[in-house]
Protein backbone atom coordinates (compact mmCIF):
# COMPACT_ATOMS: atom_id res chain seq x y z
CA MET A 1 0.00 0.00 0.00
CA ALA A 2 2.79 2.39 0.90
CA ALA A 3 4.50 1.64 -2.39
CA MET A 4 1.26 2.30 -4.29
CA ALA A 5 0.74 5.63 -2.48
CA LYS A 6 4.29 6.64 -3.21
CA SER A 7 3.84 5.73 -6.87
CA THR A 8 0.61 7.74 -7.02
CA ARG A 9 2.29 10.84 -5.54
CA SER A 10 5.17 10.52 -8.01
CA GLY A 11 2.70 10.21 -10.86
CA ARG A 12 0.87 13.36 -9.76
CA ARG A 13 4.12 15.33 -9.50
CA LEU A 14 5.10 14.20 -12.98
CA TRP A 15 1.66 15.15 -14.30
CA TRP A 16 1.84 18.63 -12.78
CA LEU A 17 5.37 19.05 -14.12
CA VAL A 18 4.11 18.22 -17.61
CA VAL A 19 1.21 20.66 -17.22
CA VAL A 20 3.53 23.47 -16.06
CA LEU A 21 6.01 22.73 -18.84
CA MET A 22 3.28 22.78 -21.47
CA GLY A 23 2.00 26.04 -20.05
CA LEU A 24 5.46 27.61 -20.25
CA ILE A 25 5.87 26.39 -23.83
CA ASN A 26 2.51 27.91 -24.78
CA VAL A 27 3.38 31.21 -23.10
CA ALA A 28 6.77 31.26 -24.85
CA ALA A 29 5.13 30.56 -28.21
CA TRP A 30 2.50 33.24 -27.65
CA GLN A 31 5.00 35.77 -26.32
CA ARG A 32 7.92 34.90 -28.59
CA LYS A 33 7.87 38.19 -30.50
CA PRO A 34 7.97 40.50 -27.45
CA ILE A 35 10.55 38.25 -25.77
CA ALA A 36 12.71 38.31 -28.92
CA GLY A 37 12.35 42.09 -29.03
CA TRP A 38 13.40 42.40 -25.40
CA LEU A 39 16.44 40.19 -25.99
CA GLY A 40 17.33 42.22 -29.07
CA GLN A 41 17.06 45.43 -27.07
CA SER A 42 19.32 43.94 -24.41
CA ALA A 43 21.83 43.10 -27.14
CA ILE A 44 21.69 46.69 -28.43
CA ALA A 45 22.43 48.02 -24.95
CA ARG A 46 25.46 45.72 -24.54
CA ALA A 47 26.91 45.81 -28.06
CA GLY A 48 29.58 48.33 -27.13
CA SER A 49 30.46 47.28 -23.60
CA ASP A 50 29.98 43.49 -23.75
CA PRO A 51 29.88 42.23 -27.36
CA SER A 52 30.10 38.56 -26.37
CA ARG A 53 26.98 38.85 -24.21
CA ALA A 54 25.26 40.85 -26.97
CA ARG A 55 25.84 38.01 -29.43
CA GLN A 56 24.40 35.53 -26.96
CA TYR A 57 21.23 37.63 -26.68
CA ILE A 58 21.02 37.86 -30.47
CA SER A 59 21.29 34.07 -30.81
CA LEU A 60 18.56 33.50 -28.23
CA ALA A 61 16.30 36.10 -29.82
CA GLY A 62 16.83 34.55 -33.24
CA LEU A 63 15.54 31.20 -31.99
CA LEU A 64 12.28 32.85 -30.96
CA TRP A 65 11.75 35.25 -33.86
CA SER A 66 14.52 35.90 -36.36
CA ASP A 67 12.66 38.85 -37.93
CA ALA A 68 12.65 40.98 -34.78
CA PRO A 69 13.84 44.44 -35.92
CA GLU A 70 15.81 44.84 -32.69
CA ILE A 71 17.99 41.89 -33.71
CA ALA A 72 18.95 43.58 -36.97
CA LEU A 73 19.68 46.84 -35.17
CA ALA A 74 21.79 45.01 -32.58
CA ARG A 75 23.81 43.37 -35.36
CA ALA A 76 24.24 46.76 -37.03
CA ARG A 77 25.56 48.25 -33.80
CA LEU A 78 28.01 45.38 -33.33
CA HIS A 79 29.30 45.92 -36.87
CA ARG A 80 29.62 49.66 -36.20
CA HIS A 81 31.74 49.02 -33.13
CA GLU A 82 33.87 46.65 -35.20
CA ALA A 83 34.21 49.39 -37.87
CA ASP A 84 32.68 47.07 -40.47
CA LEU A 85 30.61 49.69 -42.25
CA VAL A 86 29.62 47.43 -45.15
CA GLU A 87 27.85 44.92 -42.92
CA PHE A 88 26.61 47.80 -40.76
CA ARG A 89 24.74 49.33 -43.69
CA ARG A 90 23.22 45.99 -44.63
CA ASP A 91 21.87 45.24 -41.14
CA LEU A 92 20.68 48.81 -40.58
CA GLN A 93 18.71 48.63 -43.83
CA ARG A 94 17.24 45.32 -42.71
CA ALA A 95 16.23 46.88 -39.38
CA ARG A 96 14.44 49.67 -41.27
CA LEU A 97 12.61 47.17 -43.50
CA LEU A 98 11.54 45.12 -40.47
CA GLY A 99 10.00 48.19 -38.86
CA ILE A 100 12.47 49.64 -36.38
CA ALA A 101 11.51 53.17 -35.32
CA PRO A 102 12.96 55.59 -37.93
CA GLU A 103 14.50 57.85 -35.29
CA ARG A 104 16.46 54.90 -33.86
CA ALA A 105 17.80 53.93 -37.27
CA ASP A 106 18.66 57.55 -38.06
CA ARG A 107 20.49 57.89 -34.73
CA GLU A 108 22.56 54.80 -35.51
CA GLN A 109 23.37 56.19 -38.95
CA TRP A 110 24.58 59.49 -37.50
CA MET A 111 26.74 57.65 -34.98
CA SER A 112 28.26 55.62 -37.80
CA LEU A 113 29.10 58.76 -39.77
CA ALA A 114 30.65 60.32 -36.67
CA GLN A 115 32.66 57.25 -35.71
CA SER A 116 34.12 56.96 -39.21
CA GLY A 117 35.46 60.51 -38.98
CA GLN A 118 32.87 62.35 -41.07
CA MET A 119 32.62 65.12 -38.50
CA GLY A 120 31.90 67.82 -41.07
CA ILE A 121 28.63 66.02 -41.76
CA ALA A 122 27.85 64.47 -38.38
CA GLY A 123 29.26 67.12 -36.05
CA PRO A 124 26.35 69.59 -36.37
CA GLN A 125 23.96 66.81 -35.33
CA LEU A 126 25.56 66.19 -31.94
CA ILE A 127 23.44 68.59 -29.87
CA ASN A 128 20.18 67.40 -31.40
CA LEU A 129 21.13 63.76 -30.89
CA LEU A 130 21.96 64.35 -27.24
CA ASP A 131 18.68 66.23 -26.73
CA THR A 132 16.71 63.31 -28.22
CA GLY A 133 19.07 60.56 -27.13
CA GLY A 134 16.46 58.18 -25.78
CA GLY A 135 18.78 57.00 -23.02
CA GLU A 136 21.69 56.45 -25.43
CA GLU A 137 23.61 59.61 -24.62
CA ALA A 138 26.71 57.62 -23.59
CA GLU A 139 26.68 55.70 -26.87
CA ILE A 140 26.37 58.98 -28.79
CA CYS A 141 29.22 60.62 -26.86
CA GLU A 142 31.48 57.65 -27.47
CA ALA A 143 30.80 57.56 -31.22
CA PHE A 144 31.41 61.30 -31.65
CA ALA A 145 34.52 61.23 -29.44
CA LEU A 146 35.91 58.43 -31.62
CA GLY A 147 35.20 60.54 -34.68
CA TYR A 148 37.10 63.50 -33.29
CA MET A 149 39.94 61.18 -32.33
CA ARG A 150 39.94 59.73 -35.83
CA MET A 151 40.36 63.26 -37.19
CA ARG A 152 43.13 63.93 -34.65
CA ASP A 153 40.98 66.70 -33.13
CA PHE A 154 41.95 65.71 -29.61
CA GLY A 155 40.78 68.99 -28.09
CA ALA A 156 37.18 68.45 -29.23
CA ALA A 157 37.33 64.79 -28.20
CA LEU A 158 38.59 65.64 -24.71
CA ALA A 159 35.95 68.33 -24.23
CA LEU A 160 33.20 65.88 -25.14
CA LEU A 161 34.61 63.09 -22.98
CA GLU A 162 35.05 65.35 -19.96
CA ALA A 163 31.45 66.54 -20.30
CA TRP A 164 30.33 62.92 -20.52
CA ALA A 165 32.34 62.06 -17.40
CA GLN A 166 30.67 64.91 -15.50
CA GLU A 167 27.18 63.90 -16.61
CA ALA A 168 27.77 60.22 -15.83
CA PRO A 169 30.20 60.15 -12.86
CA GLU A 170 29.81 56.38 -12.39
CA ASP A 171 30.67 55.51 -16.01
CA ALA A 172 34.26 54.34 -16.51
CA ARG A 173 34.28 54.58 -20.29
CA PRO A 174 34.97 58.31 -20.73
CA HIS A 175 37.94 58.05 -18.35
CA ALA A 176 39.34 55.13 -20.33
CA TRP A 177 39.10 57.11 -23.58
CA ILE A 178 40.63 60.18 -21.95
CA GLY A 179 43.53 57.96 -20.92
CA GLN A 180 43.97 56.80 -24.52
CA ILE A 181 44.11 60.38 -25.80
CA GLN A 182 46.51 61.57 -23.10
CA ALA A 183 48.77 58.60 -23.84
CA GLU A 184 48.68 59.54 -27.53
CA LEU A 185 49.64 63.10 -26.58
CA MET A 186 52.49 61.74 -24.42
CA ALA A 187 50.91 63.27 -21.31
CA THR A 188 51.79 60.20 -19.29
CA GLU A 189 50.79 61.43 -15.82
CA LYS A 190 47.34 62.52 -17.02
CA ALA A 191 46.95 59.25 -18.91
CA GLU A 192 47.82 57.17 -15.87
CA THR A 193 45.42 59.16 -13.70
CA ALA A 194 42.60 58.68 -16.20
CA PHE A 195 43.19 54.94 -16.58
CA ARG A 196 43.34 54.41 -12.83
CA GLY A 197 40.20 56.49 -12.40
CA ALA A 198 38.39 54.26 -14.88
CA LEU A 199 39.51 51.15 -13.02
CA GLN A 200 38.35 52.55 -9.69
CA LEU A 201 34.87 52.91 -11.20
CA ALA A 202 34.95 49.57 -13.03
CA PRO A 203 37.78 47.25 -11.88
CA SER A 204 37.12 44.87 -14.78
CA ASN A 205 37.25 47.52 -17.53
CA ALA A 206 39.48 45.79 -20.06
CA SER A 207 40.10 48.89 -22.16
CA ALA A 208 41.43 50.87 -19.19
CA ALA A 209 43.48 47.91 -17.95
CA LEU A 210 45.04 47.38 -21.38
CA GLY A 211 45.78 51.08 -21.76
CA LEU A 212 47.36 51.32 -18.31
CA GLY A 213 49.39 48.17 -18.85
CA GLN A 214 50.75 49.46 -22.16
CA LEU A 215 51.50 52.86 -20.63
CA LEU A 216 53.44 51.32 -17.74
CA LEU A 217 55.35 49.05 -20.13
CA ASP A 218 56.29 52.07 -22.29
CA LEU A 219 57.44 53.86 -19.12
CA LYS A 220 59.78 50.92 -18.34
CA ARG A 221 57.64 49.75 -15.42
CA PRO A 222 56.86 46.21 -16.61
CA ALA A 223 56.53 44.72 -13.12
CA GLU A 224 53.59 47.07 -12.46
CA ALA A 225 52.10 46.44 -15.91
CA ILE A 226 51.73 42.69 -15.44
CA GLU A 227 48.59 42.72 -13.27
CA PHE A 228 46.76 45.04 -15.67
CA PHE A 229 47.67 42.98 -18.72
CA GLN A 230 46.46 39.89 -16.87
CA LEU A 231 43.13 41.56 -16.17
CA ALA A 232 42.66 42.65 -19.79
CA ALA A 233 43.81 39.30 -21.22
CA ALA A 234 40.60 37.62 -20.06
CA ASP A 235 38.54 39.93 -22.29
CA GLU A 236 37.76 38.67 -25.79
CA SER A 237 38.24 42.00 -27.57
CA ALA A 238 41.38 43.06 -25.67
CA GLY A 239 42.78 39.58 -25.06
CA ALA A 240 45.24 39.37 -27.95
CA ALA A 241 46.86 42.77 -27.39
CA ALA A 242 46.91 42.25 -23.63
CA SER A 243 48.51 38.82 -23.96
CA ALA A 244 51.22 40.25 -26.19
CA GLY A 245 51.86 43.01 -23.63
CA LEU A 246 51.86 40.50 -20.78
CA ALA A 247 54.40 38.31 -22.54
CA SER A 248 56.61 41.31 -23.24
CA SER A 249 56.44 42.40 -19.59
CA LEU A 250 57.35 38.91 -18.39
CA GLN A 251 60.24 38.71 -20.86
CA THR A 252 61.71 41.95 -19.55
CA GLN A 253 61.56 40.42 -16.04
CA ASN A 254 63.44 37.38 -17.37
CA ARG A 255 60.39 35.17 -16.68
CA LEU A 256 60.82 33.52 -20.04
CA ALA A 257 58.99 30.27 -19.32
CA GLU A 258 55.92 32.15 -18.11
CA ALA A 259 56.01 34.42 -21.17
CA ALA A 260 56.19 31.41 -23.48
CA GLN A 261 53.21 29.83 -21.71
CA VAL A 262 51.16 33.03 -22.06
CA LEU A 263 51.86 33.18 -25.79
CA GLU A 264 51.09 29.49 -26.28
CA VAL A 265 47.68 29.86 -24.62
CA ALA A 266 46.93 33.14 -26.41
CA LEU A 267 47.80 31.73 -29.84
CA LYS A 268 45.27 28.98 -29.30
CA ARG A 269 42.63 31.64 -28.57
CA PHE A 270 43.74 34.03 -31.31
CA PRO A 271 45.66 31.96 -33.88
CA ASP A 272 45.61 34.67 -36.56
CA ASP A 273 46.72 37.61 -34.44
CA TYR A 274 49.98 38.98 -35.81
CA ARG A 275 50.90 40.74 -32.53
CA LEU A 276 51.22 37.43 -30.73
CA LEU A 277 53.38 35.94 -33.48
CA VAL A 278 55.62 39.01 -33.45
CA GLN A 279 55.94 38.88 -29.67
CA LYS A 280 56.85 35.19 -29.75
CA ALA A 281 59.40 35.82 -32.49
CA GLU A 282 60.90 38.72 -30.55
CA GLY A 283 61.31 36.38 -27.60
CA PHE A 284 63.30 34.02 -29.81
CA VAL A 285 65.39 36.93 -31.11
CA GLU A 286 66.21 38.15 -27.60
CA GLN A 287 67.49 34.67 -26.78
CA GLY A 288 69.57 34.56 -29.95
CA GLU A 289 67.35 31.90 -31.52
CA TYR A 290 67.15 33.67 -34.88
CA ALA A 291 66.41 30.53 -36.89
CA ALA A 292 63.39 29.75 -34.71
CA ALA A 293 62.09 33.32 -35.16
CA GLU A 294 62.55 33.11 -38.93
CA GLN A 295 60.78 29.75 -39.10
CA LEU A 296 57.87 31.04 -37.01
CA LEU A 297 57.25 34.11 -39.17
CA ARG A 298 58.04 32.60 -42.56
CA PRO A 299 54.45 31.38 -43.27
CA GLU A 300 53.12 34.91 -42.69
CA ILE A 301 55.76 36.38 -45.00
CA GLU A 302 55.07 33.78 -47.69
CA SER A 303 51.36 34.53 -47.46
CA GLY A 304 52.13 38.15 -48.36
CA SER A 305 51.69 39.85 -45.00
CA ARG A 306 52.16 43.61 -45.17
CA ARG A 307 52.28 44.17 -41.42
CA ARG A 308 55.18 46.50 -40.72
CA GLU A 309 55.95 45.09 -37.27
CA LEU A 310 55.98 41.54 -38.58
CA ARG A 311 58.24 42.35 -41.53
CA TYR A 312 60.68 44.23 -39.28
CA THR A 313 61.02 41.34 -36.82
CA TYR A 314 61.48 38.95 -39.74
CA ALA A 315 64.25 41.18 -41.08
CA VAL A 316 66.01 41.09 -37.69
CA ALA A 317 65.76 37.28 -37.69
CA LEU A 318 67.16 37.07 -41.23
CA ARG A 319 70.06 39.31 -40.32
CA GLY A 320 70.74 37.13 -37.29
CA ILE A 321 71.13 34.00 -39.43
CA GLY A 322 73.33 35.78 -41.97
CA ARG A 323 70.82 36.36 -44.78
CA THR A 324 71.66 40.05 -44.91
CA GLU A 325 70.53 40.79 -48.49
CA GLU A 326 67.04 39.42 -47.83
CA ALA A 327 66.96 41.26 -44.50
CA ALA A 328 67.82 44.54 -46.26
CA GLU A 329 64.73 44.21 -48.48
CA HIS A 330 62.43 43.86 -45.48
CA PHE A 331 64.16 46.69 -43.60
CA ALA A 332 63.65 48.90 -46.67
CA TYR A 333 59.97 47.95 -46.80
CA THR A 334 59.40 48.81 -43.13
CA SER A 335 61.12 52.18 -43.58
CA GLU A 336 59.01 52.98 -46.64
CA ALA A 337 55.83 51.84 -44.86
CA ALA A 338 56.55 54.10 -41.89
CA GLN A 339 57.12 57.12 -44.14
CA ARG A 340 54.06 56.53 -46.33
CA THR A 341 51.65 55.93 -43.46
CA ALA A 342 52.97 58.99 -41.61
CA ALA A 343 52.35 61.07 -44.74
CA ALA A 344 48.83 59.62 -45.01
CA ASN A 345 48.13 60.54 -41.39
CA GLN A 346 49.21 64.10 -42.09
CA ARG A 347 46.54 64.31 -44.79
CA ILE A 348 43.82 63.59 -42.24
CA ALA A 349 43.71 67.31 -41.42
CA ALA A 350 42.63 67.93 -45.01
CA VAL A 351 39.62 65.66 -44.50
CA ALA A 352 38.26 68.00 -41.83
CA ALA A 353 38.35 70.85 -44.34
CA ASP A 354 36.80 68.73 -47.11
CA PRO A 355 34.75 66.03 -45.37
CA THR A 356 32.80 64.91 -48.46
CA ASN A 357 35.91 64.21 -50.56
CA ALA A 358 35.75 60.45 -51.17
CA ASP A 359 38.97 60.47 -53.21
CA LEU A 360 40.93 61.87 -50.26
CA ARG A 361 39.54 59.22 -47.93
CA TYR A 362 40.39 56.57 -50.52
CA ASP A 363 44.00 57.78 -50.78
CA ILE A 364 44.46 57.60 -47.00
CA GLY A 365 42.75 54.22 -46.73
CA GLN A 366 44.61 52.67 -49.65
CA THR A 367 47.95 53.74 -48.18
CA HIS A 368 47.19 52.19 -44.81
CA LEU A 369 45.86 49.01 -46.41
CA THR A 370 48.88 48.71 -48.71
CA TYR A 371 51.29 48.89 -45.80
CA GLY A 372 49.50 46.53 -43.46
CA ASN A 373 47.57 48.91 -41.21
CA ILE A 374 44.46 46.95 -42.08
CA GLU A 375 42.00 48.26 -39.50
CA ASP A 376 42.54 51.93 -40.35
CA GLY A 377 42.71 51.16 -44.06
CA LEU A 378 39.35 49.43 -44.09
CA MET A 379 37.76 52.20 -42.03
CA TRP A 380 38.89 54.93 -44.43
CA LEU A 381 37.85 53.00 -47.54
CA GLN A 382 34.46 52.20 -46.07
CA SER A 383 33.98 55.83 -45.06
CA ALA A 384 34.67 56.80 -48.68
CA LEU A 385 31.80 54.51 -49.68
CA GLU A 386 29.59 56.13 -47.05
CA ILE A 387 30.05 59.40 -48.95
CA ASP A 388 29.94 57.90 -52.44
CA PRO A 389 28.52 54.34 -52.52
CA LYS A 390 29.61 54.05 -56.18
CA HIS A 391 33.22 55.10 -55.61
CA ARG A 392 34.96 52.60 -57.88
CA PRO A 393 38.55 52.92 -56.61
CA SER A 394 37.39 52.09 -53.07
CA HIS A 395 35.36 49.12 -54.29
CA ARG A 396 38.36 47.94 -56.33
CA ALA A 397 40.72 48.19 -53.35
CA LEU A 398 38.27 46.29 -51.11
CA ALA A 399 37.71 43.65 -53.81
CA GLU A 400 41.47 43.01 -53.99
CA PHE A 401 41.77 42.88 -50.20
CA TYR A 402 38.91 40.42 -49.71
CA SER A 403 40.06 38.30 -52.67
CA GLU A 404 43.36 37.77 -50.85
CA LYS A 405 41.44 36.90 -47.66
CA THR A 406 39.45 34.13 -49.35
CA ALA A 407 42.49 31.87 -48.99
CA GLN A 408 41.99 32.11 -45.21
CA HIS A 409 38.22 31.70 -45.13
CA PRO A 410 35.51 31.28 -47.80
CA ARG A 411 33.23 33.78 -46.06
CA TYR A 412 35.16 36.56 -47.81
CA ILE A 413 34.18 35.33 -51.27
CA GLY A 414 30.84 37.15 -51.23
CA LEU A 415 32.42 40.43 -50.11
CA ALA A 416 35.10 40.19 -52.79
CA GLN A 417 32.50 39.52 -55.50
CA ARG A 418 30.22 42.33 -54.36
CA HIS A 419 33.00 44.92 -54.41
CA ARG A 420 34.38 43.61 -57.70
CA ILE A 421 30.99 44.02 -59.38
CA ALA A 422 30.55 47.50 -57.85
CA ALA A 423 33.99 48.42 -59.19
CA GLY A 424 32.79 47.57 -62.70
CA SER A 425 34.72 44.32 -63.05
CA GLN A 426 33.39 40.92 -63.98
CA PRO A 427 32.94 38.52 -61.02
CA ASP A 428 35.29 35.55 -60.82
């Protein structure tokens, strides 16, 4: 009898569990659109500060309702923060077609123009955007500050960031950006103060930790830099640069085994990051193991890498093993690259005076792309297309770049074809 009673109670619990589960499934099915919209909105809010979490929200929302306009807007914002303006435009257009509020899409568009350095166009919109910010004033300030920084107008950027810091005293981000600018201006004490202030507000702020670690390393204080590089290394977006800095700091402390372990782990996480390869090769060079450094970097050289830092370290390795003529070629390339990119950076001031000149943006972008400064090169070329979507030289340069990338991953095939067709060439 006791066994039967126990069995009956278990059966009832199972039955009620099934009823509750079915109810939850029905509610989820009925409420899937608003839930997907809420998840998409959460992704939008975190796209800049926590991109990994934003992508998780996007994936969950997509399982419920893939046509939620908030999902498309969240993807657009992620692409904007990654400076991928081509994919940004595509997802923003999709968000508009799916019914996102026009003012939200317009705001995102203005932030994109600002972030890409088109301050002559976007700058006059700043006050209006802040007045109608809809709770996104911090996002707006960050985008416009980045634009001023892109144009090397550090005074305007600092003024905006300091105002943001006053309006949002608990937000660490403006302090982290102020630290970056002060470091660029070689105002090391102000930079250190700003970075430490950001970390007091948000001890896990990877951007501030990375900036402070790099500043301390540049100031020949590697022992102090280690803890900040370790903090930043855990972050997905800062992890590669922080790991390279951490390894360099450990090497200067003669903790070579620890440095090698850091690089080994980091290269598994970021196998294509050139900074980690360069740092590992420099470790070999410092130990006199020039052949090992040459062997490590040779695949990148044979694949046609234009990265100046990589080519310079390879040249040092070649010289170390006695291949001086080959080394001279790479030393000459790195010298030329430094001169050409410096000249391109000097032309940025002309962009402020002529912000709608797509040819000027193309010239700057093409120079950076040619000499391995890929991130800046892509940004300038894409900003040229923002001004003139039919600008053939920019499309041609991007088609060539993505065609070379198809050897690494087939996902670049579509981008290469699209730009080739826009450039007026026949697709492969």
